[in-house]
Amino acid sequence: MHDLVPIIVQARTGSTRCPAKVMRPVAGRRLIDFTLDALERCRTARPVIVATSDDPLDDALAAHCTGRNIPVVRGSLDNVAGRFREVLDRFPVAGFVRVSGDSPLIDRRLVDGAVERFRETGADLVTNVFPRSFPKGQSVEVIRSDIFLEAEVEMTDASDREHVTPWFYRSPDRYRIVNITAQAELGDASMVVDTEEDFERFREIAHTLDAPSCRYHWEELAALPKTAGRIVA
């Protein structure tokens, strides 16, 4: 297990801007399924593990993922860093991928590429958001487990424990960070589902495509005209 690089998907049902978004039905599936479908096709990283909360609101999400034979680890609602530690306690690995569950258009090729760079460089953190040139919703971070576990002990601020990786980006001289840059500058664009408007955009995309979204390159989806899903604002 130690040689594997699992993908930890952080997901929860609670959301003030788009309540229960990850479990909303879209084209006969749940939104979280689109994220999981893409990640399960990764060639360099496995298994996919969902880290959700132990809040009763997330019972249905946990049961849904378990029904897909995806391991689920549950922990504190707001202490996401603590949830990741619990995953690593159960699955001791040298490194892991962090992806958000509200990224239904995530391109598995970006994950594969980031894991390859992680193995090639021996970096503490391989990312495509420092600085960001990929759209939100295409964010990938690969982190050395020992580096994360050392940092997690030091994270006393509630914001750091909820958002996890800004801790590393505030100390670029302390960590070896390798950033992957997109050919086209789209850092201000968004393919994430964070608001009701985002959800409607994604639903339009899902009903427009001729094949499952996980078969498309992220640039193909970002280039769709507004009449076929206004996912890039």
Protein backbone atom coordinates (compact mmCIF):
# COMPACT_ATOMS: atom_id res chain seq x y z
CA MET A 1 0.00 0.00 0.00
CA HIS A 2 2.89 2.36 0.78
CA ASP A 3 3.89 2.67 -2.90
CA LEU A 4 0.41 3.65 -4.00
CA VAL A 5 -0.66 7.25 -4.46
CA PRO A 6 -4.35 7.34 -3.55
CA ILE A 7 -6.73 10.13 -4.48
CA ILE A 8 -8.47 11.61 -1.46
CA VAL A 9 -11.70 13.32 -2.46
CA GLN A 10 -12.94 15.73 0.17
CA ALA A 11 -16.69 16.04 -0.01
CA ARG A 12 -19.61 16.95 2.19
CA THR A 13 -23.30 17.56 1.71
CA GLY A 14 -23.53 20.79 3.65
CA SER A 15 -23.14 23.93 1.56
CA THR A 16 -24.67 27.35 2.10
CA ARG A 17 -24.28 28.51 -1.52
CA CYS A 18 -25.46 25.26 -3.14
CA PRO A 19 -27.00 22.94 -0.53
CA ALA A 20 -26.51 19.18 -1.00
CA LYS A 21 -24.78 19.81 -4.32
CA VAL A 22 -22.64 16.66 -4.38
CA MET A 23 -25.73 14.45 -4.04
CA ARG A 24 -27.97 16.29 -6.49
CA PRO A 25 -29.21 14.23 -9.45
CA VAL A 26 -27.78 15.15 -12.85
CA ALA A 27 -28.54 13.17 -16.00
CA GLY A 28 -29.58 10.14 -13.98
CA ARG A 29 -26.55 10.24 -11.67
CA ARG A 30 -25.34 12.13 -8.62
CA LEU A 31 -22.97 15.03 -9.07
CA ILE A 32 -20.31 13.27 -6.99
CA ASP A 33 -20.43 10.36 -9.46
CA PHE A 34 -19.02 12.53 -12.23
CA THR A 35 -16.00 13.35 -10.09
CA LEU A 36 -15.51 9.74 -9.03
CA ASP A 37 -15.97 8.39 -12.57
CA ALA A 38 -13.13 10.57 -13.83
CA LEU A 39 -10.78 9.80 -10.96
CA GLU A 40 -11.34 6.05 -11.15
CA ARG A 41 -9.92 6.22 -14.68
CA CYS A 42 -6.57 7.56 -13.48
CA ARG A 43 -3.60 5.42 -14.45
CA THR A 44 -1.03 6.66 -11.95
CA ALA A 45 -3.13 7.08 -8.80
CA ARG A 46 -5.34 4.66 -6.88
CA PRO A 47 -7.44 3.93 -4.98
CA VAL A 48 -10.01 6.73 -4.78
CA ILE A 49 -10.96 7.42 -1.16
CA VAL A 50 -13.74 9.77 -0.06
CA ALA A 51 -13.12 11.82 3.09
CA THR A 52 -16.41 13.17 4.37
CA SER A 53 -17.78 14.27 7.70
CA ASP A 54 -19.43 12.28 10.47
CA ASP A 55 -22.37 14.70 10.41
CA PRO A 56 -25.68 12.86 9.86
CA LEU A 57 -26.23 15.05 6.80
CA ASP A 58 -23.42 13.10 5.14
CA ASP A 59 -24.84 9.65 5.87
CA ALA A 60 -26.40 9.40 2.41
CA LEU A 61 -23.18 10.51 0.73
CA ALA A 62 -21.16 7.96 2.67
CA ALA A 63 -23.63 5.19 1.86
CA HIS A 64 -23.65 6.15 -1.81
CA CYS A 65 -19.86 6.00 -2.08
CA THR A 66 -19.71 2.75 -0.13
CA GLY A 67 -22.27 1.35 -2.56
CA ARG A 68 -19.79 2.15 -5.32
CA ASN A 69 -17.13 0.14 -3.45
CA ILE A 70 -15.20 3.31 -2.71
CA PRO A 71 -13.57 3.48 0.74
CA VAL A 72 -15.04 6.20 2.94
CA VAL A 73 -13.37 7.81 5.93
CA ARG A 74 -15.48 10.10 8.11
CA GLY A 75 -14.33 12.75 10.53
CA SER A 76 -14.92 16.29 11.73
CA LEU A 77 -17.17 18.48 9.60
CA ASP A 78 -14.88 21.52 9.53
CA ASN A 79 -11.54 19.91 10.37
CA VAL A 80 -10.67 18.68 6.90
CA ALA A 81 -6.98 18.37 7.76
CA GLY A 82 -8.00 16.03 10.55
CA ARG A 83 -9.99 13.95 8.09
CA PHE A 84 -6.94 13.62 5.87
CA ARG A 85 -4.87 12.48 8.85
CA GLU A 86 -7.49 9.82 9.57
CA VAL A 87 -7.26 8.63 5.97
CA LEU A 88 -3.48 8.36 6.24
CA ASP A 89 -3.80 6.49 9.54
CA ARG A 90 -5.91 3.88 7.77
CA PHE A 91 -4.02 3.94 4.47
CA PRO A 92 -0.30 4.53 5.12
CA VAL A 93 1.15 5.85 1.87
CA ALA A 94 4.12 7.99 0.85
CA GLY A 95 1.97 10.55 -0.94
CA PHE A 96 -1.59 11.33 -1.91
CA VAL A 97 -3.67 13.41 -4.32
CA ARG A 98 -6.14 15.96 -3.00
CA VAL A 99 -9.23 16.72 -5.11
CA SER A 100 -12.48 18.45 -4.23
CA GLY A 101 -15.72 16.53 -4.70
CA ASP A 102 -17.41 19.53 -6.32
CA SER A 103 -15.19 19.21 -9.40
CA PRO A 104 -17.37 17.04 -11.66
CA LEU A 105 -15.42 18.01 -14.80
CA ILE A 106 -11.99 17.20 -13.36
CA ASP A 107 -9.67 15.84 -16.03
CA ARG A 108 -7.96 12.63 -14.92
CA ARG A 109 -5.05 13.48 -17.24
CA LEU A 110 -4.15 16.37 -14.96
CA VAL A 111 -4.07 13.99 -12.02
CA ASP A 112 -1.93 11.49 -13.91
CA GLY A 113 0.46 14.22 -14.97
CA ALA A 114 0.77 15.62 -11.46
CA VAL A 115 1.49 12.20 -9.96
CA GLU A 116 4.14 11.57 -12.62
CA ARG A 117 5.82 14.88 -11.72
CA PHE A 118 5.57 14.00 -8.04
CA ARG A 119 7.41 10.73 -8.61
CA GLU A 120 9.98 12.29 -10.93
CA THR A 121 10.88 15.30 -8.81
CA GLY A 122 10.54 14.05 -5.25
CA ALA A 123 8.80 17.33 -4.43
CA ASP A 124 6.94 17.93 -1.18
CA LEU A 125 3.97 19.24 -3.12
CA VAL A 126 3.08 19.16 -6.81
CA THR A 127 0.25 21.53 -7.65
CA ASN A 128 -1.40 23.44 -10.47
CA VAL A 129 -2.66 26.33 -8.34
CA PHE A 130 0.56 28.07 -7.25
CA PRO A 131 0.05 30.24 -9.19
CA ARG A 132 -3.24 29.15 -10.69
CA SER A 133 -3.44 28.97 -14.48
CA PHE A 134 -6.04 26.19 -14.75
CA PRO A 135 -9.73 26.88 -14.12
CA LYS A 136 -11.15 26.26 -10.68
CA GLY A 137 -12.56 22.76 -10.75
CA GLN A 138 -9.36 21.46 -12.37
CA SER A 139 -7.28 21.84 -9.23
CA VAL A 140 -4.91 18.99 -8.38
CA GLU A 141 -2.46 18.74 -5.50
CA VAL A 142 -0.12 15.82 -4.73
CA ILE A 143 1.40 15.95 -1.27
CA ARG A 144 4.05 13.91 0.52
CA SER A 145 2.36 12.24 3.46
CA ASP A 146 5.15 12.82 5.97
CA ILE A 147 5.28 16.51 5.07
CA PHE A 148 1.52 16.81 5.43
CA LEU A 149 1.46 15.00 8.79
CA GLU A 150 4.19 17.26 10.16
CA ALA A 151 2.31 20.36 9.00
CA GLU A 152 -1.06 19.13 10.25
CA VAL A 153 0.24 19.12 13.80
CA GLU A 154 1.16 22.79 13.44
CA MET A 155 -2.16 23.88 11.91
CA THR A 156 -3.94 25.62 14.77
CA ASP A 157 -5.93 28.13 12.73
CA ALA A 158 -9.47 26.98 11.86
CA SER A 159 -9.10 28.26 8.30
CA ASP A 160 -5.98 26.18 7.72
CA ARG A 161 -7.65 23.08 9.09
CA GLU A 162 -10.62 23.60 6.78
CA HIS A 163 -8.72 24.55 3.60
CA VAL A 164 -5.54 22.52 4.28
CA THR A 165 -3.09 23.55 1.56
CA PRO A 166 -2.83 27.36 1.92
CA TRP A 167 -0.53 26.52 4.84
CA PHE A 168 2.09 25.26 2.39
CA TYR A 169 1.70 28.11 -0.09
CA ARG A 170 2.35 30.68 2.62
CA SER A 171 5.78 29.11 3.22
CA PRO A 172 7.22 28.41 -0.24
CA ASP A 173 10.78 28.62 1.13
CA ARG A 174 10.07 25.89 3.64
CA TYR A 175 8.67 23.36 1.18
CA ARG A 176 9.73 22.14 -2.24
CA ILE A 177 6.73 23.06 -4.36
CA VAL A 178 6.51 22.21 -8.06
CA ASN A 179 3.81 24.01 -10.01
CA ILE A 180 2.27 22.81 -13.28
CA THR A 181 1.22 25.61 -15.63
CA ALA A 182 -1.47 25.51 -18.30
CA GLN A 183 -0.61 26.55 -21.85
CA ALA A 184 -3.51 29.00 -21.86
CA GLU A 185 -4.03 31.34 -18.92
CA LEU A 186 -7.47 30.41 -17.52
CA GLY A 187 -6.88 30.94 -13.83
CA ASP A 188 -9.84 33.30 -13.57
CA ALA A 189 -12.26 30.80 -15.13
CA SER A 190 -14.36 28.34 -13.19
CA MET A 191 -15.48 24.76 -13.83
CA VAL A 192 -16.25 24.05 -10.18
CA VAL A 193 -19.76 23.73 -8.75
CA ASP A 194 -19.87 26.21 -5.89
CA THR A 195 -23.13 28.11 -6.46
CA GLU A 196 -26.60 27.46 -7.84
CA GLU A 197 -25.54 29.14 -11.07
CA ASP A 198 -22.54 26.80 -11.30
CA PHE A 199 -24.82 23.81 -10.79
CA GLU A 200 -27.15 24.90 -13.58
CA ARG A 201 -24.17 25.36 -15.88
CA PHE A 202 -22.88 21.90 -15.11
CA ARG A 203 -26.31 20.31 -15.56
CA GLU A 204 -26.55 21.94 -18.98
CA ILE A 205 -23.12 20.55 -19.86
CA ALA A 206 -24.04 17.04 -18.70
CA HIS A 207 -27.19 16.99 -20.83
CA THR A 208 -25.42 18.44 -23.85
CA LEU A 209 -22.45 16.11 -24.22
CA ASP A 210 -22.65 13.09 -26.50
CA ALA A 211 -20.44 11.00 -24.20
CA PRO A 212 -19.68 10.94 -20.47
CA SER A 213 -17.86 14.10 -19.41
CA CYS A 214 -14.89 12.07 -18.13
CA ARG A 215 -14.01 11.19 -21.73
CA TYR A 216 -13.36 14.81 -22.64
CA HIS A 217 -10.20 16.83 -22.19
CA TRP A 218 -10.73 19.78 -19.87
CA GLU A 219 -9.85 22.22 -22.65
CA GLU A 220 -12.65 20.79 -24.82
CA LEU A 221 -15.14 21.41 -22.02
CA ALA A 222 -13.79 24.87 -21.30
CA ALA A 223 -14.15 25.79 -24.98
CA LEU A 224 -17.82 24.85 -25.22
CA PRO A 225 -19.97 27.73 -26.48
CA LYS A 226 -22.34 29.34 -24.02
CA THR A 227 -25.30 27.73 -25.72
CA ALA A 228 -23.82 24.33 -24.84
CA GLY A 229 -23.06 25.11 -21.22
CA ARG A 230 -21.68 28.36 -19.87
CA ILE A 231 -19.21 26.62 -17.60
CA VAL A 232 -16.43 29.14 -18.16
CA ALA A 233 -17.64 32.56 -17.18
